[in-house]
Protein backbone atom coordinates (compact mmCIF):
# COMPACT_ATOMS: atom_id res chain seq x y z
CA MET A 1 9.26 19.68 8.81
CA SER A 2 9.23 17.04 6.10
CA LYS A 3 11.37 16.91 2.98
CA GLU A 4 10.23 15.27 -0.29
CA THR A 5 12.75 13.77 -2.67
CA SER A 6 12.19 12.12 -6.05
CA ILE A 7 13.80 8.67 -6.23
CA PRO A 8 14.20 7.36 -9.80
CA LEU A 9 14.46 3.70 -10.75
CA GLU A 10 15.00 2.06 -14.13
CA PHE A 11 13.07 -1.21 -14.08
CA GLU A 12 12.95 -3.54 -17.07
CA GLY A 13 13.05 -0.66 -19.56
CA GLU A 14 10.61 1.58 -17.68
CA SER A 15 11.41 4.82 -15.82
CA LEU A 16 9.81 4.91 -12.38
CA GLU A 17 10.01 7.86 -10.00
CA SER A 18 8.89 7.35 -6.42
CA VAL A 19 8.78 10.05 -3.75
CA PHE A 20 10.58 9.75 -0.42
CA VAL A 21 9.00 11.80 2.37
CA GLY A 22 11.20 12.11 5.46
CA ARG A 23 12.57 14.42 8.10
CA ARG A 24 15.30 16.87 7.23
CA ASP A 25 17.81 15.37 9.69
CA ALA A 26 18.00 12.21 7.51
CA GLN A 27 18.34 9.90 10.52
CA PRO A 28 17.40 6.26 9.83
CA ARG A 29 13.80 5.68 10.84
CA PRO A 30 11.03 3.10 10.43
CA THR A 31 9.55 3.59 6.99
CA VAL A 32 6.22 2.90 5.29
CA MET A 33 6.42 1.89 1.64
CA MET A 34 3.14 3.40 0.47
CA ILE A 35 1.62 2.06 -2.77
CA PRO A 36 -1.02 4.34 -4.33
CA THR A 37 -4.26 3.55 -6.10
CA VAL A 38 -4.60 2.94 -9.82
CA MET A 39 -4.12 6.68 -10.39
CA GLY A 40 -0.51 6.50 -9.24
CA VAL A 41 1.47 8.97 -7.14
CA SER A 42 -0.77 11.87 -6.10
CA ASP A 43 -1.08 14.63 -3.53
CA LEU A 44 -3.29 12.33 -1.44
CA GLU A 45 -0.51 9.80 -0.80
CA ARG A 46 2.01 12.57 -0.27
CA SER A 47 -0.29 14.04 2.40
CA PHE A 48 -0.51 10.65 4.12
CA GLY A 49 3.29 10.54 4.01
CA ARG A 50 3.56 13.94 5.66
CA GLN A 51 1.30 12.75 8.47
CA LEU A 52 3.59 9.78 9.02
CA VAL A 53 6.63 12.07 9.17
CA GLU A 54 4.93 14.13 11.88
CA LEU A 55 4.66 10.91 13.90
CA GLY A 56 8.34 10.09 13.49
CA TYR A 57 8.29 7.75 10.48
CA ASN A 58 9.31 8.04 6.84
CA ALA A 59 7.13 7.34 3.82
CA PHE A 60 8.15 6.07 0.39
CA VAL A 61 5.34 6.78 -2.08
CA VAL A 62 5.89 4.23 -4.82
CA ASP A 63 5.60 4.82 -8.55
CA LEU A 64 4.41 1.52 -10.01
CA PHE A 65 3.36 2.75 -13.42
CA GLY A 66 6.16 5.03 -14.59
CA THR A 67 6.72 8.73 -15.10
CA LYS A 68 5.10 8.79 -18.55
CA PHE A 69 1.74 7.99 -16.92
CA ARG A 70 1.89 10.76 -14.28
CA GLY A 71 -1.40 12.64 -14.54
CA ALA A 72 -2.86 10.31 -17.18
CA SER A 73 -6.62 9.80 -17.53
CA ARG A 74 -8.60 7.22 -15.60
CA ASP A 75 -9.08 5.05 -18.68
CA VAL A 76 -5.36 4.99 -19.42
CA MET A 77 -4.52 4.11 -15.83
CA PHE A 78 -7.10 1.34 -15.68
CA GLY A 79 -5.48 -0.08 -18.78
CA GLU A 80 -2.09 -0.03 -17.05
CA LEU A 81 -3.60 -1.66 -13.96
CA GLY A 82 -4.85 -4.47 -16.19
CA ARG A 83 -1.40 -4.86 -17.72
CA LEU A 84 0.38 -5.14 -14.38
CA LYS A 85 -2.27 -7.32 -12.77
CA ALA A 86 -2.26 -9.76 -15.69
CA ASP A 87 1.27 -10.96 -14.81
CA ARG A 88 1.56 -11.25 -11.05
CA THR A 89 5.07 -12.77 -11.33
CA ALA A 90 6.32 -9.66 -13.11
CA LEU A 91 4.38 -7.47 -10.69
CA ARG A 92 6.12 -9.18 -7.78
CA ARG A 93 9.53 -8.51 -9.38
CA ARG A 94 8.60 -4.84 -9.71
CA LEU A 95 7.45 -4.59 -6.10
CA LEU A 96 10.53 -6.32 -4.71
CA ALA A 97 12.81 -4.11 -6.81
CA LEU A 98 11.17 -1.05 -5.26
CA LEU A 99 11.45 -2.60 -1.80
CA ASP A 100 15.16 -3.26 -2.36
CA GLN A 101 15.60 0.34 -3.50
CA LEU A 102 13.93 1.53 -0.31
CA ARG A 103 16.11 -0.66 1.90
CA GLY A 104 19.19 0.94 0.37
CA LEU A 105 18.30 4.50 1.36
CA ASN A 106 20.40 5.93 4.20
CA GLU A 107 17.33 7.44 5.89
CA VAL A 108 15.68 4.03 6.25
CA ASP A 109 16.04 1.56 9.10
CA SER A 110 16.03 -1.46 6.79
CA GLY A 111 14.79 -3.80 9.53
CA LYS A 112 11.70 -1.65 10.19
CA ILE A 113 9.70 -1.48 6.98
CA VAL A 114 5.93 -1.67 6.56
CA VAL A 115 4.31 -1.95 3.13
CA ALA A 116 0.90 -0.29 2.86
CA GLY A 117 -1.36 0.26 -0.13
CA TYR A 118 -4.68 1.54 -1.36
CA CYS A 119 -7.01 -0.35 -3.74
CA PHE A 120 -4.67 -1.90 -6.37
CA GLY A 121 -1.83 -0.73 -4.13
CA GLY A 122 -3.36 -2.75 -1.32
CA LEU A 123 -3.32 -5.86 -3.49
CA CYS A 124 0.35 -5.09 -4.12
CA ALA A 125 1.03 -4.78 -0.38
CA LEU A 126 -0.53 -8.19 0.15
CA ASP A 127 1.52 -9.59 -2.72
CA VAL A 128 4.72 -8.37 -1.06
CA ALA A 129 3.71 -10.24 2.11
CA ARG A 130 2.73 -13.30 0.05
CA SER A 131 6.26 -13.42 -1.38
CA GLY A 132 7.55 -14.33 2.09
CA VAL A 133 9.99 -11.42 2.12
CA ASP A 134 11.10 -10.10 5.51
CA ILE A 135 9.06 -6.99 6.31
CA ALA A 136 7.44 -5.96 9.57
CA ALA A 137 3.87 -5.74 8.22
CA ALA A 138 1.66 -5.39 5.17
CA VAL A 139 -1.38 -3.12 5.37
CA SER A 140 -4.16 -2.74 2.81
CA PHE A 141 -6.95 -0.19 2.53
CA HIS A 142 -10.06 -1.07 0.43
CA VAL A 143 -8.15 -3.75 -1.39
CA LEU A 144 -8.64 -6.29 -4.16
CA PHE A 145 -8.13 -9.63 -2.38
CA ASP A 146 -7.64 -12.08 -5.24
CA PRO A 147 -4.47 -14.16 -4.77
CA PRO A 148 -1.67 -14.18 -7.37
CA GLY A 149 -1.86 -17.87 -8.24
CA LEU A 150 1.83 -18.36 -7.41
CA PRO A 151 3.39 -21.00 -5.12
CA ARG A 152 2.48 -20.13 -1.56
CA GLU A 153 5.16 -19.01 0.87
CA LYS A 154 5.06 -18.68 4.63
CA ILE A 155 4.05 -15.12 5.50
CA SER A 156 6.32 -13.69 8.19
CA ALA A 157 4.82 -10.18 8.10
CA LYS A 158 1.88 -9.10 10.19
CA VAL A 159 -1.07 -8.42 7.91
CA LEU A 160 -3.79 -5.82 8.48
CA ALA A 161 -6.61 -5.26 5.97
CA PHE A 162 -9.21 -2.48 6.13
CA HIS A 163 -12.36 -3.29 4.19
CA GLY A 164 -15.69 -1.67 3.39
CA TRP A 165 -18.36 -4.36 3.71
CA ASP A 166 -20.34 -2.90 0.81
CA ASP A 167 -17.30 -2.88 -1.51
CA PRO A 168 -18.52 -4.47 -4.78
CA MET A 169 -14.93 -5.25 -5.79
CA ALA A 170 -14.35 -7.49 -2.76
CA PRO A 171 -17.56 -9.33 -1.77
CA PRO A 172 -17.81 -11.20 1.55
CA ASP A 173 -16.67 -14.53 0.12
CA HIS A 174 -13.39 -12.87 -0.95
CA VAL A 175 -12.89 -11.63 2.61
CA VAL A 176 -13.40 -15.12 4.02
CA ALA A 177 -11.03 -16.55 1.40
CA LEU A 178 -8.33 -14.07 2.40
CA GLY A 179 -8.67 -15.02 6.06
CA LYS A 180 -8.31 -18.69 5.13
CA GLU A 181 -5.30 -17.96 2.90
CA LEU A 182 -3.52 -15.94 5.60
CA THR A 183 -4.24 -18.57 8.25
CA GLU A 184 -2.79 -21.33 6.07
CA ALA A 185 0.29 -19.17 5.43
CA GLY A 186 0.88 -18.81 9.18
CA ALA A 187 0.39 -15.05 9.22
CA ASP A 188 -0.49 -12.90 12.22
CA TRP A 189 -3.48 -11.22 10.57
CA GLN A 190 -6.40 -8.86 11.16
CA ILE A 191 -9.26 -7.81 8.90
CA HIS A 192 -11.26 -4.73 9.93
CA ALA A 193 -14.57 -4.58 8.08
CA TYR A 194 -16.73 -1.45 8.22
CA GLY A 195 -20.47 -1.77 7.76
CA HIS A 196 -22.27 0.38 5.16
CA VAL A 197 -18.90 1.42 3.71
CA ALA A 198 -17.97 1.15 0.03
CA HIS A 199 -14.71 1.02 -1.93
CA GLY A 200 -12.29 3.94 -1.82
CA PHE A 201 -13.39 5.11 1.63
CA THR A 202 -10.07 6.84 2.47
CA ASN A 203 -10.18 9.20 -0.52
CA PRO A 204 -12.15 12.46 -0.10
CA ASN A 205 -12.27 12.73 -3.92
CA ALA A 206 -13.49 9.18 -4.50
CA HIS A 207 -16.71 10.43 -6.09
CA GLN A 208 -14.71 11.98 -8.93
CA ILE A 209 -13.74 8.52 -10.16
CA GLY A 210 -17.33 8.12 -11.33
CA LEU A 211 -17.76 4.43 -10.48
CA ASP A 212 -20.65 2.86 -8.58
CA GLY A 213 -19.65 1.51 -5.19
CA VAL A 214 -16.75 3.95 -4.75
CA ARG A 215 -17.38 6.50 -1.98
CA TYR A 216 -15.46 8.37 0.69
CA ASN A 217 -16.43 7.68 4.29
CA GLU A 218 -14.88 10.07 6.80
CA LEU A 219 -15.49 7.88 9.85
CA ALA A 220 -14.09 4.73 8.25
CA ALA A 221 -11.10 6.72 6.98
CA GLU A 222 -10.39 8.00 10.51
CA ARG A 223 -10.94 4.61 12.16
CA SER A 224 -8.66 2.82 9.71
CA TRP A 225 -5.90 5.43 9.99
CA THR A 226 -6.01 5.27 13.79
CA SER A 227 -5.74 1.48 13.70
CA PHE A 228 -2.88 1.74 11.21
CA ILE A 229 -0.94 4.05 13.52
CA ASN A 230 -1.68 1.71 16.43
CA LEU A 231 0.00 -1.08 14.47
CA LEU A 232 3.06 1.08 13.79
CA GLU A 233 3.30 1.86 17.50
CA GLU A 234 2.93 -1.83 18.31
CA LEU A 235 5.76 -2.66 15.93
CA PHE A 236 8.15 0.21 16.58
CA GLY A 237 7.04 1.88 19.82
CA ASP A 238 6.43 5.59 20.13
CA ASN A 239 8.71 6.96 17.43
CA GLY A 240 7.71 10.62 17.68
């Protein structure tokens, strides 16, 4: 059975509160740093974390935006997304501070960390890999691909991106550009593109966002999750 623990962090004057989802025995295990969508920490990411615990991993559901925005409206959260995305240097500092916090937890095997994210969180996962930091892999689901415009580093992490081909936020030329960027950075990379699939395909409540081109797709959600778990098994073996 999993155990969920709030993990606070004071970062540059902001109060963040991530959620660690792990087994009750507290033994060090491979851990997925899971970065949510623009809406922040929600039951959806916690449920993904519980699934990972059942398979023998931990999950660290990251709070990027801060406790004062927990449960805020879509318009407020999109405003916060714009604020964080406007300064990718500061965003990188925030992400690496959260990664360092995760590495320091006793329940975490610090040499076996994967960073995964959804939508804006997927962009963040790619940005962690782009920093050149030592992690096992970076995984993105229906992600924004645009690069940070910072000096390029060699990417040591394996990179796996899951993409809906009909995603209006990441047209085909952005997908090609990402492949070129990752190749030039020396990454071991994969991009899985799903035909007739839009943005937000892993979220059963995607339609509630009320944006064109954002739709749940059960088959793409299942295919991407299976491939994600295959990567974890490739990296860490059968950890169940």
